[in-house]
Structures are given as C-alpha cells and as structure tokens.
C-alpha cells in the first residue's frame, strides 16, 4: 500500500489486527529489516497491528530529494499517523528510525502508549557521539577466509560476531534494503540529519511515563550506548539493556536476547497499565 503525502508516495505494509505498532527502520534499509526480527515475536502477541513504513528514499517509497531531511521525513510520518492511524499506538525505531521515533513522541506523546528504541541515533553528528573504545570481536576465521563478495566489507564494518549464521541473517534481512536505497537521497539526508529543534529537550518537558525499552550493543561502533543512557531520566518506566557481543546490528547477532527483551516490553504494556 502507498500513502500519498503531497507529491511523494510512501510505501507501507500492515500485518495483523489490534493495537497499532508503528515501526521505523534504520538509514538505508527498508521495512524488511524490521519485519525479519519482529514478526517471530508478534506470533505470541497477536492483538497488535504492525505498521511497517519504508522511509523516503528507501525501500519502495519515492526518493524526491526535496524530502531528504529529518524534519521533512518527520513531517511525513506525522501526517501518515494522523490519516492512517487514528487511535493510540506503540512505536518502534531502529537506528535513524529511533531518532524519528523520538520525534514522533515529542509531538504526539499523548497518543504513544509505549516506545522501543533499538540502537538508536541519539546524536546525529557522528563526530560528537560517545562511542565505545572496544575492539572485541568474535571471528570465525575459516568462514571469513572463504568469504569473498561485495557484501563483505559492509558486513565487517559493524559486525561483532562474524560467522556464517550471522552473515546469512545479514544477507537476508538487512542487505536487500541497502541495495535498493537511493544513494543521492541518503547522502543529502546525512547533510540534514539534525531536527531543527532539540527533540530530547522536548521529551524532557513531557516526563513520559509509559513503558519504554532501550536496547543497545556494548560494542556498537556506530551510535554507541552512553548517549542513550543519558536520556534515561526522562522516561519514567524505561528499561535499558546493554548487550555484550553485539554491535549496531544487535538483532541479528543476539536474537535470543533481543526477542526476550521485546517480548517482556510487550507483556508489560499488555498487563501493567498505569
């Protein structure tokens, strides 16, 4: 399905029925990245309507360069929610999607009944991020010596567990989106990555009190984990997990832990309403 915002088409997919869950993928990926890790979990939480969105310039959505900024993309998402999702909802964001999810929370906090952030962008400017000084990796040398293809360097850039099992998940769930994203759009978006407002200062004023889950990788060399920890005081019902042997693609490196944490977050939302 497509949502038309002015002159741009935004692709989205709805799976299931029940309480809406808006799901935002990472930069350069597409909604299949999130479907791959979340759909197995939602088999045990059937009363949720998952709304997977392809961000502009990514997946099957249009790539008009005039929308290549975080402000413009947030504007589109807010319009989408207003017109497609009328009731209260949950929101999940990975990486750049986690930055956008906080943007949604800052504008529509009374409609957000829970938020989950996976390895989210906290500080858009990469030079200002507090990254772990860690070289910890598990590398299957036999596997890596055999690996010789165009995905190898991309996989190794953020990989902490480097073996065939994780690589196969990467190729199936992450790489397809990276292949079809619009490079010009992504490059321009990176130049306009910051919101024009301080999103976390706005959330600080809200004192959000619904279930929140923050999942980070101890060895995440892209966004780190320390900057997110600094936001904990603004989420009164937040859980924060730093997972060892996990980088920016935590969900494919540590799927058992990821599944358990998200399952617990959904259980809390379903059973402990305040």
C-alpha atoms as a PDB file:
ATOM      1  CA  UNK A   1       0.000   0.000   0.000  1.00  0.00           C
ATOM      2  CA  UNK A   2       1.026   3.597  -0.515  1.00  0.00           C
ATOM      3  CA  UNK A   3       0.315   6.774   1.409  1.00  0.00           C
ATOM      4  CA  UNK A   4       0.401   9.934  -0.704  1.00  0.00           C
ATOM      5  CA  UNK A   5       1.869  12.972   1.036  1.00  0.00           C
ATOM      6  CA  UNK A   6       1.701  15.981  -1.286  1.00  0.00           C
ATOM      7  CA  UNK A   7       3.730  14.682  -4.253  1.00  0.00           C
ATOM      8  CA  UNK A   8       5.579  11.748  -2.668  1.00  0.00           C
ATOM      9  CA  UNK A   9       4.435   8.122  -2.313  1.00  0.00           C
ATOM     10  CA  UNK A  10       5.303   6.316   0.923  1.00  0.00           C
ATOM     11  CA  UNK A  11       5.104   2.549   0.906  1.00  0.00           C
ATOM     12  CA  UNK A  12       3.778   0.784   3.978  1.00  0.00           C
ATOM     13  CA  UNK A  13       2.531  -2.651   4.976  1.00  0.00           C
ATOM     14  CA  UNK A  14       0.061  -3.615   7.689  1.00  0.00           C
ATOM     15  CA  UNK A  15       0.165  -7.067   9.272  1.00  0.00           C
ATOM     16  CA  UNK A  16      -2.356  -8.296  11.814  1.00  0.00           C
ATOM     17  CA  UNK A  17      -5.109  -6.582  13.755  1.00  0.00           C
ATOM     18  CA  UNK A  18      -5.386  -4.838  17.098  1.00  0.00           C
ATOM     19  CA  UNK A  19      -3.367  -2.057  18.696  1.00  0.00           C
ATOM     20  CA  UNK A  20      -1.222  -0.275  16.087  1.00  0.00           C
ATOM     21  CA  UNK A  21       2.559  -0.554  16.296  1.00  0.00           C
ATOM     22  CA  UNK A  22       4.384   1.911  14.050  1.00  0.00           C
ATOM     23  CA  UNK A  23       7.757   0.509  13.022  1.00  0.00           C
ATOM     24  CA  UNK A  24      10.607   2.600  11.585  1.00  0.00           C
ATOM     25  CA  UNK A  25      13.738   1.033  10.099  1.00  0.00           C
ATOM     26  CA  UNK A  26      17.316   2.281  10.004  1.00  0.00           C
ATOM     27  CA  UNK A  27      19.097   4.516   7.497  1.00  0.00           C
ATOM     28  CA  UNK A  28      19.478   2.982   4.049  1.00  0.00           C
ATOM     29  CA  UNK A  29      17.444  -0.105   4.959  1.00  0.00           C
ATOM     30  CA  UNK A  30      13.796  -0.932   4.350  1.00  0.00           C
ATOM     31  CA  UNK A  31      10.881  -2.345   6.314  1.00  0.00           C
ATOM     32  CA  UNK A  32      12.024  -5.927   5.701  1.00  0.00           C
ATOM     33  CA  UNK A  33      14.881  -5.265   8.143  1.00  0.00           C
ATOM     34  CA  UNK A  34      12.366  -4.892  10.958  1.00  0.00           C
ATOM     35  CA  UNK A  35       9.879  -7.492   9.772  1.00  0.00           C
ATOM     36  CA  UNK A  36      12.614 -10.105   9.911  1.00  0.00           C
ATOM     37  CA  UNK A  37      13.340  -9.589  13.602  1.00  0.00           C
ATOM     38  CA  UNK A  38       9.891  -8.594  14.895  1.00  0.00           C
ATOM     39  CA  UNK A  39       7.370 -10.874  13.206  1.00  0.00           C
ATOM     40  CA  UNK A  40       8.554 -14.004  15.095  1.00  0.00           C
ATOM     41  CA  UNK A  41       7.970 -12.109  18.366  1.00  0.00           C
ATOM     42  CA  UNK A  42       4.491 -10.907  17.411  1.00  0.00           C
ATOM     43  CA  UNK A  43       3.376 -14.503  16.869  1.00  0.00           C
ATOM     44  CA  UNK A  44       2.984 -14.526  20.659  1.00  0.00           C
ATOM     45  CA  UNK A  45       1.322 -11.088  20.746  1.00  0.00           C
ATOM     46  CA  UNK A  46      -1.410 -11.380  18.137  1.00  0.00           C
ATOM     47  CA  UNK A  47      -3.502  -8.391  19.219  1.00  0.00           C
ATOM     48  CA  UNK A  48      -1.177  -5.924  17.551  1.00  0.00           C
ATOM     49  CA  UNK A  49      -1.448  -4.349  14.111  1.00  0.00           C
ATOM     50  CA  UNK A  50       2.093  -3.900  12.836  1.00  0.00           C
ATOM     51  CA  UNK A  51       2.538  -0.896  10.547  1.00  0.00           C
ATOM     52  CA  UNK A  52       5.837  -1.152   8.672  1.00  0.00           C
ATOM     53  CA  UNK A  53       6.858   2.015   6.831  1.00  0.00           C
ATOM     54  CA  UNK A  54       9.506   2.421   4.138  1.00  0.00           C
ATOM     55  CA  UNK A  55      11.125   5.792   4.806  1.00  0.00           C
ATOM     56  CA  UNK A  56      11.518   8.199   1.839  1.00  0.00           C
ATOM     57  CA  UNK A  57      14.385   7.278  -0.469  1.00  0.00           C
ATOM     58  CA  UNK A  58      14.379   3.745   0.907  1.00  0.00           C
ATOM     59  CA  UNK A  59      12.513   0.554   0.153  1.00  0.00           C
ATOM     60  CA  UNK A  60       9.600   1.078  -2.225  1.00  0.00           C
ATOM     61  CA  UNK A  61       8.990   4.701  -1.226  1.00  0.00           C
ATOM     62  CA  UNK A  62       9.683   7.631  -3.542  1.00  0.00           C
ATOM     63  CA  UNK A  63      13.039   9.396  -3.404  1.00  0.00           C
ATOM     64  CA  UNK A  64      12.284  13.049  -4.145  1.00  0.00           C
ATOM     65  CA  UNK A  65      15.317  14.975  -2.913  1.00  0.00           C
ATOM     66  CA  UNK A  66      13.233  17.840  -1.506  1.00  0.00           C
ATOM     67  CA  UNK A  67      12.274  15.472   1.345  1.00  0.00           C
ATOM     68  CA  UNK A  68      15.841  14.463   2.227  1.00  0.00           C
ATOM     69  CA  UNK A  69      15.924  15.884   5.755  1.00  0.00           C
ATOM     70  CA  UNK A  70      14.903  14.611   9.180  1.00  0.00           C
ATOM     71  CA  UNK A  71      12.420  17.467   9.539  1.00  0.00           C
ATOM     72  CA  UNK A  72      10.680  16.611   6.267  1.00  0.00           C
ATOM     73  CA  UNK A  73      10.599  12.881   6.993  1.00  0.00           C
ATOM     74  CA  UNK A  74       9.142  13.508  10.460  1.00  0.00           C
ATOM     75  CA  UNK A  75       6.530  15.755   8.852  1.00  0.00           C
ATOM     76  CA  UNK A  76       5.561  12.889   6.530  1.00  0.00           C
ATOM     77  CA  UNK A  77       5.376  10.360   9.372  1.00  0.00           C
ATOM     78  CA  UNK A  78       3.182  12.651  11.480  1.00  0.00           C
ATOM     79  CA  UNK A  79       0.834  13.143   8.521  1.00  0.00           C
ATOM     80  CA  UNK A  80       0.773   9.387   7.951  1.00  0.00           C
ATOM     81  CA  UNK A  81      -0.171   8.745  11.589  1.00  0.00           C
ATOM     82  CA  UNK A  82      -2.899  11.382  11.510  1.00  0.00           C
ATOM     83  CA  UNK A  83      -4.509   9.872   8.413  1.00  0.00           C
ATOM     84  CA  UNK A  84      -3.818   6.136   8.717  1.00  0.00           C
ATOM     85  CA  UNK A  85      -3.558   5.509  12.481  1.00  0.00           C
ATOM     86  CA  UNK A  86      -6.395   7.191  14.339  1.00  0.00           C
ATOM     87  CA  UNK A  87      -6.080   5.513  17.759  1.00  0.00           C
ATOM     88  CA  UNK A  88      -3.281   5.363  20.318  1.00  0.00           C
ATOM     89  CA  UNK A  89      -0.248   3.359  19.239  1.00  0.00           C
ATOM     90  CA  UNK A  90       3.143   1.896  20.113  1.00  0.00           C
ATOM     91  CA  UNK A  91       6.254   2.915  18.222  1.00  0.00           C
ATOM     92  CA  UNK A  92       9.475   1.042  17.477  1.00  0.00           C
ATOM     93  CA  UNK A  93      12.532   2.618  15.876  1.00  0.00           C
ATOM     94  CA  UNK A  94      15.908   1.232  14.881  1.00  0.00           C
ATOM     95  CA  UNK A  95      18.965   3.489  14.472  1.00  0.00           C
ATOM     96  CA  UNK A  96      17.780   6.504  12.427  1.00  0.00           C
ATOM     97  CA  UNK A  97      14.275   5.195  12.968  1.00  0.00           C
ATOM     98  CA  UNK A  98      14.917   5.576  16.702  1.00  0.00           C
ATOM     99  CA  UNK A  99      15.685   9.263  16.176  1.00  0.00           C
ATOM    100  CA  UNK A 100      12.470   9.679  14.197  1.00  0.00           C
ATOM    101  CA  UNK A 101      10.507   7.735  16.832  1.00  0.00           C
ATOM    102  CA  UNK A 102      11.589  10.257  19.461  1.00  0.00           C
ATOM    103  CA  UNK A 103      10.488  12.990  17.078  1.00  0.00           C
ATOM    104  CA  UNK A 104       7.036  11.397  16.945  1.00  0.00           C
ATOM    105  CA  UNK A 105       6.987  11.086  20.748  1.00  0.00           C
ATOM    106  CA  UNK A 106       7.878  14.761  21.156  1.00  0.00           C
ATOM    107  CA  UNK A 107       4.884  15.772  19.020  1.00  0.00           C
ATOM    108  CA  UNK A 108       2.270  13.119  19.841  1.00  0.00           C
ATOM    109  CA  UNK A 109       3.193  11.928  23.338  1.00  0.00           C
ATOM    110  CA  UNK A 110      -0.433  11.564  24.468  1.00  0.00           C
ATOM    111  CA  UNK A 111      -1.044   9.018  21.700  1.00  0.00           C
ATOM    112  CA  UNK A 112       2.121   6.948  22.280  1.00  0.00           C
ATOM    113  CA  UNK A 113       1.393   4.088  24.699  1.00  0.00           C
ATOM    114  CA  UNK A 114       4.923   2.657  24.520  1.00  0.00           C
ATOM    115  CA  UNK A 115       8.228   3.192  22.757  1.00  0.00           C
ATOM    116  CA  UNK A 116      11.057   0.815  21.909  1.00  0.00           C
ATOM    117  CA  UNK A 117      14.419   2.038  20.630  1.00  0.00           C
ATOM    118  CA  UNK A 118      16.945  -0.358  19.097  1.00  0.00           C
ATOM    119  CA  UNK A 119      20.492   1.004  18.770  1.00  0.00           C
ATOM    120  CA  UNK A 120      19.013   4.453  18.153  1.00  0.00           C
ATOM    121  CA  UNK A 121      20.719   7.553  16.843  1.00  0.00           C
ATOM    122  CA  UNK A 122      20.888   9.950  19.797  1.00  0.00           C
ATOM    123  CA  UNK A 123      23.412  12.465  18.466  1.00  0.00           C
ATOM    124  CA  UNK A 124      23.005  12.947  14.695  1.00  0.00           C
ATOM    125  CA  UNK A 125      26.504  14.382  14.208  1.00  0.00           C
ATOM    126  CA  UNK A 126      28.787  11.333  14.133  1.00  0.00           C
ATOM    127  CA  UNK A 127      31.800  13.333  15.330  1.00  0.00           C
ATOM    128  CA  UNK A 128      30.037  14.189  18.597  1.00  0.00           C
ATOM    129  CA  UNK A 129      28.958  10.662  19.520  1.00  0.00           C
ATOM    130  CA  UNK A 130      30.378   8.922  22.584  1.00  0.00           C
ATOM    131  CA  UNK A 131      31.455   5.591  21.093  1.00  0.00           C
ATOM    132  CA  UNK A 132      32.916   2.605  22.950  1.00  0.00           C
ATOM    133  CA  UNK A 133      36.654   2.136  22.675  1.00  0.00           C
ATOM    134  CA  UNK A 134      36.369  -1.576  22.088  1.00  0.00           C
ATOM    135  CA  UNK A 135      37.919  -3.948  19.586  1.00  0.00           C
ATOM    136  CA  UNK A 136      36.059  -7.008  20.861  1.00  0.00           C
ATOM    137  CA  UNK A 137      35.007  -9.308  18.046  1.00  0.00           C
ATOM    138  CA  UNK A 138      34.319 -12.977  17.569  1.00  0.00           C
ATOM    139  CA  UNK A 139      35.547 -14.000  14.138  1.00  0.00           C
ATOM    140  CA  UNK A 140      35.209 -17.434  12.603  1.00  0.00           C
ATOM    141  CA  UNK A 141      38.487 -17.376  10.690  1.00  0.00           C
ATOM    142  CA  UNK A 142      37.572 -20.320   8.468  1.00  0.00           C
ATOM    143  CA  UNK A 143      34.359 -18.629   7.425  1.00  0.00           C
ATOM    144  CA  UNK A 144      35.885 -15.179   6.846  1.00  0.00           C
ATOM    145  CA  UNK A 145      38.686 -16.623   4.715  1.00  0.00           C
ATOM    146  CA  UNK A 146      36.082 -18.168   2.443  1.00  0.00           C
ATOM    147  CA  UNK A 147      34.001 -15.006   2.229  1.00  0.00           C
ATOM    148  CA  UNK A 148      34.802 -13.045  -0.903  1.00  0.00           C
ATOM    149  CA  UNK A 149      31.925 -10.994  -2.241  1.00  0.00           C
ATOM    150  CA  UNK A 150      30.651  -7.436  -2.489  1.00  0.00           C
ATOM    151  CA  UNK A 151      28.877  -7.565   0.900  1.00  0.00           C
ATOM    152  CA  UNK A 152      31.955  -8.497   2.913  1.00  0.00           C
ATOM    153  CA  UNK A 153      33.198  -5.002   3.826  1.00  0.00           C
ATOM    154  CA  UNK A 154      29.704  -3.762   4.691  1.00  0.00           C
ATOM    155  CA  UNK A 155      29.165  -6.761   6.935  1.00  0.00           C
ATOM    156  CA  UNK A 156      32.506  -6.358   8.682  1.00  0.00           C
ATOM    157  CA  UNK A 157      32.087  -2.599   9.258  1.00  0.00           C
ATOM    158  CA  UNK A 158      29.591  -3.074  12.100  1.00  0.00           C
ATOM    159  CA  UNK A 159      29.909  -6.807  12.756  1.00  0.00           C
ATOM    160  CA  UNK A 160      30.931  -8.042  16.198  1.00  0.00           C
ATOM    161  CA  UNK A 161      30.030 -11.687  15.716  1.00  0.00           C
ATOM    162  CA  UNK A 162      31.430 -12.644  12.342  1.00  0.00           C
ATOM    163  CA  UNK A 163      30.307 -16.134  11.379  1.00  0.00           C
ATOM    164  CA  UNK A 164      28.128 -17.791   8.770  1.00  0.00           C
ATOM    165  CA  UNK A 165      24.936 -17.803  10.826  1.00  0.00           C
ATOM    166  CA  UNK A 166      25.002 -14.028  11.442  1.00  0.00           C
ATOM    167  CA  UNK A 167      26.156 -13.348   7.895  1.00  0.00           C
ATOM    168  CA  UNK A 168      23.216 -15.291   6.474  1.00  0.00           C
ATOM    169  CA  UNK A 169      20.830 -13.201   8.597  1.00  0.00           C
ATOM    170  CA  UNK A 170      22.557 -10.038   7.365  1.00  0.00           C
ATOM    171  CA  UNK A 171      22.202 -11.040   3.704  1.00  0.00           C
ATOM    172  CA  UNK A 172      18.535 -11.985   4.103  1.00  0.00           C
ATOM    173  CA  UNK A 173      17.278  -9.219   6.381  1.00  0.00           C
ATOM    174  CA  UNK A 174      19.490  -6.139   6.004  1.00  0.00           C
ATOM    175  CA  UNK A 175      21.370  -6.185   2.712  1.00  0.00           C
ATOM    176  CA  UNK A 176      18.301  -6.240   0.398  1.00  0.00           C
ATOM    177  CA  UNK A 177      17.212  -2.818   1.643  1.00  0.00           C
ATOM    178  CA  UNK A 178      20.707  -1.385   1.354  1.00  0.00           C
ATOM    179  CA  UNK A 179      20.853  -2.489  -2.283  1.00  0.00           C
ATOM    180  CA  UNK A 180      17.769  -0.548  -3.363  1.00  0.00           C
ATOM    181  CA  UNK A 181      18.069   2.655  -1.304  1.00  0.00           C
ATOM    182  CA  UNK A 182      18.731   5.842  -3.262  1.00  0.00           C
ATOM    183  CA  UNK A 183      22.355   6.887  -2.696  1.00  0.00           C
ATOM    184  CA  UNK A 184      21.834  10.551  -3.616  1.00  0.00           C
ATOM    185  CA  UNK A 185      18.885  10.787  -1.239  1.00  0.00           C
ATOM    186  CA  UNK A 186      20.823   9.158   1.618  1.00  0.00           C
ATOM    187  CA  UNK A 187      23.842  11.432   1.121  1.00  0.00           C
ATOM    188  CA  UNK A 188      21.683  14.562   1.146  1.00  0.00           C
ATOM    189  CA  UNK A 189      19.769  13.314   4.176  1.00  0.00           C
ATOM    190  CA  UNK A 190      23.041  12.911   6.064  1.00  0.00           C
ATOM    191  CA  UNK A 191      23.674  16.626   5.474  1.00  0.00           C
ATOM    192  CA  UNK A 192      20.263  17.422   7.004  1.00  0.00           C
ATOM    193  CA  UNK A 193      20.269  14.779   9.723  1.00  0.00           C
ATOM    194  CA  UNK A 194      19.501  17.019  12.722  1.00  0.00           C
ATOM    195  CA  UNK A 195      15.987  18.108  13.538  1.00  0.00           C
ATOM    196  CA  UNK A 196      15.550  21.876  13.582  1.00  0.00           C
ATOM    197  CA  UNK A 197      14.527  21.510  17.253  1.00  0.00           C
ATOM    198  CA  UNK A 198      16.044  19.752  20.272  1.00  0.00           C
ATOM    199  CA  UNK A 199      13.939  16.598  20.332  1.00  0.00           C
ATOM    200  CA  UNK A 200      15.239  15.283  23.656  1.00  0.00           C
ATOM    201  CA  UNK A 201      14.719  18.612  25.382  1.00  0.00           C
ATOM    202  CA  UNK A 202      11.093  18.499  24.251  1.00  0.00           C
ATOM    203  CA  UNK A 203      10.727  14.963  25.647  1.00  0.00           C
ATOM    204  CA  UNK A 204      12.371  16.117  28.887  1.00  0.00           C
ATOM    205  CA  UNK A 205       9.476  18.557  29.344  1.00  0.00           C
ATOM    206  CA  UNK A 206       6.923  15.777  28.814  1.00  0.00           C
ATOM    207  CA  UNK A 207       8.195  13.395  31.540  1.00  0.00           C
ATOM    208  CA  UNK A 208       6.944  10.396  29.587  1.00  0.00           C
ATOM    209  CA  UNK A 209       5.506   7.655  31.842  1.00  0.00           C
ATOM    210  CA  UNK A 210       4.582   4.767  29.510  1.00  0.00           C
ATOM    211  CA  UNK A 211       6.671   1.584  29.053  1.00  0.00           C
ATOM    212  CA  UNK A 212       9.919   2.262  27.199  1.00  0.00           C
ATOM    213  CA  UNK A 213      12.622  -0.174  26.160  1.00  0.00           C
ATOM    214  CA  UNK A 214      16.129   0.827  25.104  1.00  0.00           C
ATOM    215  CA  UNK A 215      18.323  -1.906  23.616  1.00  0.00           C
ATOM    216  CA  UNK A 216      21.956  -1.130  22.823  1.00  0.00           C
ATOM    217  CA  UNK A 217      25.088  -3.005  21.802  1.00  0.00           C
ATOM    218  CA  UNK A 218      28.126  -2.917  24.085  1.00  0.00           C
ATOM    219  CA  UNK A 219      30.392  -2.863  21.023  1.00  0.00           C
ATOM    220  CA  UNK A 220      28.216  -0.631  18.815  1.00  0.00           C
ATOM    221  CA  UNK A 221      30.761   1.492  16.929  1.00  0.00           C
ATOM    222  CA  UNK A 222      28.083   3.425  15.048  1.00  0.00           C
ATOM    223  CA  UNK A 223      25.912   5.098  17.719  1.00  0.00           C
ATOM    224  CA  UNK A 224      27.298   3.656  20.976  1.00  0.00           C
ATOM    225  CA  UNK A 225      25.230   3.326  24.148  1.00  0.00           C
ATOM    226  CA  UNK A 226      26.383   6.057  26.573  1.00  0.00           C
ATOM    227  CA  UNK A 227      24.486   8.895  24.907  1.00  0.00           C
ATOM    228  CA  UNK A 228      21.219   6.987  25.199  1.00  0.00           C
ATOM    229  CA  UNK A 229      21.830   6.239  28.881  1.00  0.00           C
ATOM    230  CA  UNK A 230      21.930   9.987  29.480  1.00  0.00           C
ATOM    231  CA  UNK A 231      18.262  10.203  28.440  1.00  0.00           C
ATOM    232  CA  UNK A 232      17.006   7.600  30.930  1.00  0.00           C
ATOM    233  CA  UNK A 233      15.757  10.130  33.474  1.00  0.00           C
ATOM    234  CA  UNK A 234      13.151  11.413  31.019  1.00  0.00           C
ATOM    235  CA  UNK A 235      11.430   8.022  30.671  1.00  0.00           C
ATOM    236  CA  UNK A 236       9.819   7.083  33.971  1.00  0.00           C
ATOM    237  CA  UNK A 237       9.119   3.443  33.017  1.00  0.00           C
ATOM    238  CA  UNK A 238      12.168   2.695  30.905  1.00  0.00           C
ATOM    239  CA  UNK A 239      14.289  -0.440  30.821  1.00  0.00           C
ATOM    240  CA  UNK A 240      17.832  -0.105  29.486  1.00  0.00           C
ATOM    241  CA  UNK A 241      19.872  -3.050  28.212  1.00  0.00           C
ATOM    242  CA  UNK A 242      23.464  -3.034  27.018  1.00  0.00           C
ATOM    243  CA  UNK A 243      24.159  -6.350  25.312  1.00  0.00           C
ATOM    244  CA  UNK A 244      27.673  -7.770  25.193  1.00  0.00           C
ATOM    245  CA  UNK A 245      28.962  -9.216  21.924  1.00  0.00           C
ATOM    246  CA  UNK A 246      26.596  -7.019  19.966  1.00  0.00           C
ATOM    247  CA  UNK A 247      27.136  -4.119  17.615  1.00  0.00           C
ATOM    248  CA  UNK A 248      24.829  -1.935  15.546  1.00  0.00           C
ATOM    249  CA  UNK A 249      23.089  -4.988  14.063  1.00  0.00           C
ATOM    250  CA  UNK A 250      22.298  -6.367  17.512  1.00  0.00           C
ATOM    251  CA  UNK A 251      19.052  -8.052  16.486  1.00  0.00           C
ATOM    252  CA  UNK A 252      20.835 -10.498  14.162  1.00  0.00           C
ATOM    253  CA  UNK A 253      23.842 -11.048  16.441  1.00  0.00           C
ATOM    254  CA  UNK A 254      21.908 -11.683  19.654  1.00  0.00           C
ATOM    255  CA  UNK A 255      18.402 -12.703  18.526  1.00  0.00           C
ATOM    256  CA  UNK A 256      17.564 -14.700  21.672  1.00  0.00           C
ATOM    257  CA  UNK A 257      18.221 -11.760  23.993  1.00  0.00           C
ATOM    258  CA  UNK A 258      16.549  -9.324  21.617  1.00  0.00           C
ATOM    259  CA  UNK A 259      13.440 -11.499  21.382  1.00  0.00           C
ATOM    260  CA  UNK A 260      13.202 -11.886  25.157  1.00  0.00           C
ATOM    261  CA  UNK A 261      13.519  -8.143  25.802  1.00  0.00           C
ATOM    262  CA  UNK A 262      10.910  -7.127  23.237  1.00  0.00           C
ATOM    263  CA  UNK A 263       8.577  -9.884  24.435  1.00  0.00           C
ATOM    264  CA  UNK A 264       8.903  -8.568  28.017  1.00  0.00           C
ATOM    265  CA  UNK A 265       8.204  -4.979  26.880  1.00  0.00           C
ATOM    266  CA  UNK A 266       5.034  -6.047  25.078  1.00  0.00           C
ATOM    267  CA  UNK A 267       3.948  -8.114  28.084  1.00  0.00           C
ATOM    268  CA  UNK A 268       4.405  -5.073  30.335  1.00  0.00           C
ATOM    269  CA  UNK A 269       2.274  -2.916  28.026  1.00  0.00           C
ATOM    270  CA  UNK A 270      -0.439  -5.568  27.891  1.00  0.00           C
ATOM    271  CA  UNK A 271      -0.568  -6.267  31.635  1.00  0.00           C
ATOM    272  CA  UNK A 272       0.702  -3.303  33.642  1.00  0.00           C
ATOM    273  CA  UNK A 273      -1.210  -0.238  32.587  1.00  0.00           C
ATOM    274  CA  UNK A 274      -0.983   2.785  34.868  1.00  0.00           C
END
